[in-house]
């Protein structure tokens, strides 16, 4: 779940998503759905915190996805709609199978927990699409620093929570999420000086824009950022 997001504010101000990718937000929507279901009393008792955080996270991520829908081209909108439909269908199947074929909370916790772990990992892996663009363009313009910090910090906090609760379903994906955040921070440090903050970064451009980008006025420019507070467990 993202706090007040400069990235979304920039998209609405410019009325364009530019090269920002919706992948992390779409992945987080499904992740929050699955974890909310996992935390319900008839699946995993005593998980009120998980339900509360992920329910709120799902609502906020859906709002961000809506912003992408409004300010994207029709081709990108179609892909987002297809992804959301697939997520809804998947959740309907998961709920049906869980309620009608798994009759104890232990069985439900195990099955839904494993599925939740998988999608938690998918959520943390979603920024890989952005990291690929960072490497190819040698620019971190569309990989906000605060998002990377949020991923690393969020994963670390849930790792501590999982250790206190002895919950491997929470520990495994968030441990990997912490590593993902650290990798993003590493890429940010490597390619910060080659980023042209004011120019148009073409996703297919592979040339190094290092002429002057790392000195003078460029050092006074700030990239866009967004804080991810809940990718949860």
Protein backbone atom coordinates (compact mmCIF):
# COMPACT_ATOMS: atom_id res chain seq x y z
CA UNK A 1 0.00 0.00 0.00
CA UNK A 2 1.47 3.30 -1.02
CA UNK A 3 1.26 6.52 0.93
CA UNK A 4 0.62 9.84 -0.81
CA UNK A 5 2.30 9.04 -4.09
CA UNK A 6 4.31 11.63 -6.01
CA UNK A 7 4.34 9.26 -8.98
CA UNK A 8 0.55 9.19 -9.17
CA UNK A 9 0.44 12.95 -8.66
CA UNK A 10 2.87 13.37 -11.57
CA UNK A 11 0.78 11.09 -13.81
CA UNK A 12 -2.39 13.06 -13.08
CA UNK A 13 -0.61 16.39 -13.54
CA UNK A 14 0.88 15.34 -16.91
CA UNK A 15 -2.21 13.35 -17.92
CA UNK A 16 0.08 10.55 -19.08
CA UNK A 17 1.67 7.46 -17.52
CA UNK A 18 4.75 8.01 -19.71
CA UNK A 19 7.02 4.98 -19.14
CA UNK A 20 5.76 4.12 -15.67
CA UNK A 21 4.60 0.51 -15.56
CA UNK A 22 1.40 -0.73 -13.85
CA UNK A 23 2.85 -4.21 -13.21
CA UNK A 24 3.75 -3.72 -9.51
CA UNK A 25 0.31 -2.29 -8.73
CA UNK A 26 -1.60 -5.04 -10.54
CA UNK A 27 0.51 -7.70 -8.83
CA UNK A 28 -0.03 -6.07 -5.44
CA UNK A 29 -3.83 -6.05 -5.95
CA UNK A 30 -3.90 -9.84 -6.32
CA UNK A 31 -1.41 -10.27 -3.48
CA UNK A 32 -3.62 -8.22 -1.14
CA UNK A 33 -6.73 -10.14 -2.22
CA UNK A 34 -5.13 -13.50 -1.46
CA UNK A 35 -3.68 -12.40 1.88
CA UNK A 36 -7.00 -10.84 2.93
CA UNK A 37 -8.68 -14.17 2.22
CA UNK A 38 -5.90 -15.99 4.08
CA UNK A 39 -6.51 -13.88 7.18
CA UNK A 40 -10.27 -14.49 7.41
CA UNK A 41 -11.35 -16.45 10.52
CA UNK A 42 -12.61 -19.49 8.62
CA UNK A 43 -9.21 -19.83 6.89
CA UNK A 44 -6.64 -18.71 9.45
CA UNK A 45 -7.95 -17.67 12.88
CA UNK A 46 -6.33 -14.82 14.81
CA UNK A 47 -5.08 -12.96 11.72
CA UNK A 48 -7.03 -9.72 12.09
CA UNK A 49 -3.92 -7.62 11.42
CA UNK A 50 -3.33 -9.37 8.11
CA UNK A 51 -6.93 -8.78 7.01
CA UNK A 52 -6.93 -5.12 8.02
CA UNK A 53 -3.66 -4.22 6.32
CA UNK A 54 -4.28 -6.12 3.12
CA UNK A 55 -7.91 -5.02 2.81
CA UNK A 56 -6.79 -1.40 2.98
CA UNK A 57 -3.89 -2.18 0.66
CA UNK A 58 -6.18 -3.69 -1.97
CA UNK A 59 -8.42 -0.60 -1.97
CA UNK A 60 -5.48 1.79 -2.40
CA UNK A 61 -3.80 -0.31 -5.09
CA UNK A 62 -7.07 -0.48 -7.03
CA UNK A 63 -7.22 3.31 -6.92
CA UNK A 64 -3.70 3.49 -8.37
CA UNK A 65 -4.60 1.00 -11.08
CA UNK A 66 -7.61 3.18 -11.92
CA UNK A 67 -5.25 6.13 -12.44
CA UNK A 68 -3.23 4.03 -14.88
CA UNK A 69 -6.43 3.07 -16.72
CA UNK A 70 -7.53 6.70 -17.05
CA UNK A 71 -4.22 8.06 -18.31
CA UNK A 72 -2.99 5.12 -20.44
CA UNK A 73 -3.45 4.47 -24.14
CA UNK A 74 -6.18 2.03 -25.15
CA UNK A 75 -3.65 -0.74 -25.76
CA UNK A 76 -2.33 -0.50 -22.21
CA UNK A 77 -5.84 -0.20 -20.81
CA UNK A 78 -6.84 -3.44 -22.50
CA UNK A 79 -3.90 -5.27 -20.91
CA UNK A 80 -4.80 -3.89 -17.48
CA UNK A 81 -8.46 -4.94 -17.88
CA UNK A 82 -7.45 -8.44 -18.94
CA UNK A 83 -5.11 -8.76 -15.95
CA UNK A 84 -7.83 -7.61 -13.52
CA UNK A 85 -10.39 -10.02 -14.99
CA UNK A 86 -7.92 -12.90 -14.63
CA UNK A 87 -7.33 -11.90 -11.00
CA UNK A 88 -11.07 -11.81 -10.21
CA UNK A 89 -11.64 -15.20 -11.84
CA UNK A 90 -8.70 -16.68 -9.96
CA UNK A 91 -10.00 -15.38 -6.61
CA UNK A 92 -13.47 -16.77 -7.32
CA UNK A 93 -11.99 -20.21 -8.04
CA UNK A 94 -9.77 -20.07 -4.95
CA UNK A 95 -12.68 -19.15 -2.67
CA UNK A 96 -14.93 -21.86 -4.14
CA UNK A 97 -12.30 -24.60 -3.84
CA UNK A 98 -11.33 -23.55 -0.32
CA UNK A 99 -14.89 -23.45 1.04
CA UNK A 100 -16.25 -26.54 -0.68
CA UNK A 101 -13.29 -28.94 -0.70
CA UNK A 102 -11.24 -27.97 2.36
CA UNK A 103 -13.21 -28.50 5.53
CA UNK A 104 -10.74 -27.70 8.32
CA UNK A 105 -8.88 -24.49 9.12
CA UNK A 106 -5.57 -26.40 9.10
CA UNK A 107 -6.11 -27.55 5.51
CA UNK A 108 -7.30 -24.11 4.44
CA UNK A 109 -4.38 -22.38 6.13
CA UNK A 110 -1.90 -24.69 4.41
CA UNK A 111 -3.33 -24.43 0.88
CA UNK A 112 -4.19 -20.72 0.91
CA UNK A 113 -0.92 -19.97 2.73
CA UNK A 114 1.15 -21.64 0.00
CA UNK A 115 -0.77 -19.78 -2.71
CA UNK A 116 -0.35 -16.52 -0.80
CA UNK A 117 3.40 -17.10 -0.60
CA UNK A 118 3.56 -17.59 -4.38
CA UNK A 119 1.71 -14.35 -5.11
CA UNK A 120 3.68 -12.46 -2.48
CA UNK A 121 6.81 -13.48 -4.38
CA UNK A 122 5.17 -12.43 -7.67
CA UNK A 123 4.39 -9.03 -6.16
CA UNK A 124 7.98 -8.50 -5.07
CA UNK A 125 9.21 -9.73 -8.48
CA UNK A 126 6.96 -7.32 -10.39
CA UNK A 127 9.52 -4.47 -10.21
CA UNK A 128 11.86 -6.70 -12.22
CA UNK A 129 10.15 -5.34 -15.35
CA UNK A 130 11.16 -1.84 -14.26
CA UNK A 131 14.67 -2.97 -13.33
CA UNK A 132 15.08 -4.40 -16.84
CA UNK A 133 14.24 -0.98 -18.28
CA UNK A 134 16.66 0.68 -15.86
CA UNK A 135 19.52 -1.51 -17.07
CA UNK A 136 18.69 -1.07 -20.78
CA UNK A 137 18.26 2.73 -20.61
CA UNK A 138 20.83 3.36 -17.86
CA UNK A 139 18.18 5.55 -16.24
CA UNK A 140 16.35 5.31 -12.91
CA UNK A 141 13.83 8.00 -13.84
CA UNK A 142 10.94 5.52 -13.81
CA UNK A 143 12.11 3.52 -10.77
CA UNK A 144 11.32 5.76 -7.78
CA UNK A 145 13.86 5.66 -4.98
CA UNK A 146 11.30 5.76 -2.19
CA UNK A 147 9.51 2.75 -3.68
CA UNK A 148 12.72 0.73 -3.52
CA UNK A 149 13.33 1.85 0.07
CA UNK A 150 9.74 0.99 0.93
CA UNK A 151 10.06 -2.50 -0.55
CA UNK A 152 13.20 -3.25 1.43
CA UNK A 153 11.87 -1.80 4.69
CA UNK A 154 8.44 -3.40 4.31
CA UNK A 155 9.94 -6.82 3.70
CA UNK A 156 12.27 -6.46 6.66
CA UNK A 157 9.43 -5.50 9.03
CA UNK A 158 7.33 -8.48 7.98
CA UNK A 159 10.35 -10.76 8.39
CA UNK A 160 10.56 -9.65 12.02
CA UNK A 161 6.81 -10.20 12.43
CA UNK A 162 7.08 -13.68 10.90
CA UNK A 163 9.92 -14.61 13.23
CA UNK A 164 7.88 -13.53 16.25
CA UNK A 165 4.84 -15.51 15.06
CA UNK A 166 6.90 -18.40 13.67
CA UNK A 167 4.98 -18.10 10.39
CA UNK A 168 6.95 -19.47 7.41
CA UNK A 169 4.25 -18.31 4.98
CA UNK A 170 5.07 -14.72 5.92
CA UNK A 171 8.82 -15.22 6.35
CA UNK A 172 9.77 -16.73 2.97
CA UNK A 173 8.23 -14.20 0.54
CA UNK A 174 9.13 -11.16 2.61
CA UNK A 175 12.71 -12.34 2.98
CA UNK A 176 12.86 -12.46 -0.81
CA UNK A 177 11.09 -9.08 -0.93
CA UNK A 178 13.80 -7.56 1.23
CA UNK A 179 16.42 -8.83 -1.21
CA UNK A 180 14.40 -7.41 -4.12
CA UNK A 181 14.33 -3.99 -2.47
CA UNK A 182 18.08 -4.11 -1.86
CA UNK A 183 18.64 -5.01 -5.53
CA UNK A 184 16.56 -2.00 -6.62
CA UNK A 185 18.56 0.27 -4.34
CA UNK A 186 21.77 -1.09 -5.81
CA UNK A 187 20.59 -0.35 -9.36
CA UNK A 188 19.55 3.13 -8.27
CA UNK A 189 23.03 3.81 -6.92
CA UNK A 190 24.68 2.48 -10.09
CA UNK A 191 22.59 4.36 -12.66
CA UNK A 192 21.67 7.56 -10.82
CA UNK A 193 24.43 9.62 -12.44
CA UNK A 194 23.57 8.46 -15.97
CA UNK A 195 19.90 9.45 -15.60
CA UNK A 196 18.58 12.33 -17.68
CA UNK A 197 15.87 13.61 -15.33
CA UNK A 198 14.51 16.27 -17.70
CA UNK A 199 14.74 14.41 -21.00
CA UNK A 200 12.41 11.82 -22.51
CA UNK A 201 13.70 8.37 -21.63
CA UNK A 202 12.85 5.94 -24.39
CA UNK A 203 12.50 2.40 -23.14
CA UNK A 204 14.26 1.15 -26.23
CA UNK A 205 17.15 3.58 -26.02
CA UNK A 206 20.36 1.87 -25.01
CA UNK A 207 22.87 4.65 -25.38
CA UNK A 208 24.57 6.03 -22.31
CA UNK A 209 23.40 9.57 -21.61
CA UNK A 210 26.33 10.29 -19.36
CA UNK A 211 27.49 13.52 -21.05
CA UNK A 212 26.87 16.05 -18.34
CA UNK A 213 24.13 14.06 -16.68
CA UNK A 214 26.20 13.36 -13.61
CA UNK A 215 27.32 16.91 -12.81
CA UNK A 216 26.25 20.52 -12.46
CA UNK A 217 22.55 21.19 -12.74
CA UNK A 218 21.61 17.51 -12.88
CA UNK A 219 22.72 17.02 -9.29
CA UNK A 220 20.10 19.55 -8.24
CA UNK A 221 17.28 17.65 -9.89
CA UNK A 222 15.11 15.26 -8.00
CA UNK A 223 13.49 12.10 -9.29
CA UNK A 224 9.99 11.05 -8.58
CA UNK A 225 9.35 8.78 -5.60
CA UNK A 226 6.66 6.80 -3.89
CA UNK A 227 6.57 4.97 -0.60
CA UNK A 228 5.32 1.46 -0.37
CA UNK A 229 4.17 0.86 3.14
CA UNK A 230 2.18 -2.30 2.73
CA UNK A 231 3.03 -5.16 0.48
CA UNK A 232 2.19 -7.42 3.01
CA UNK A 233 2.10 -10.61 4.27
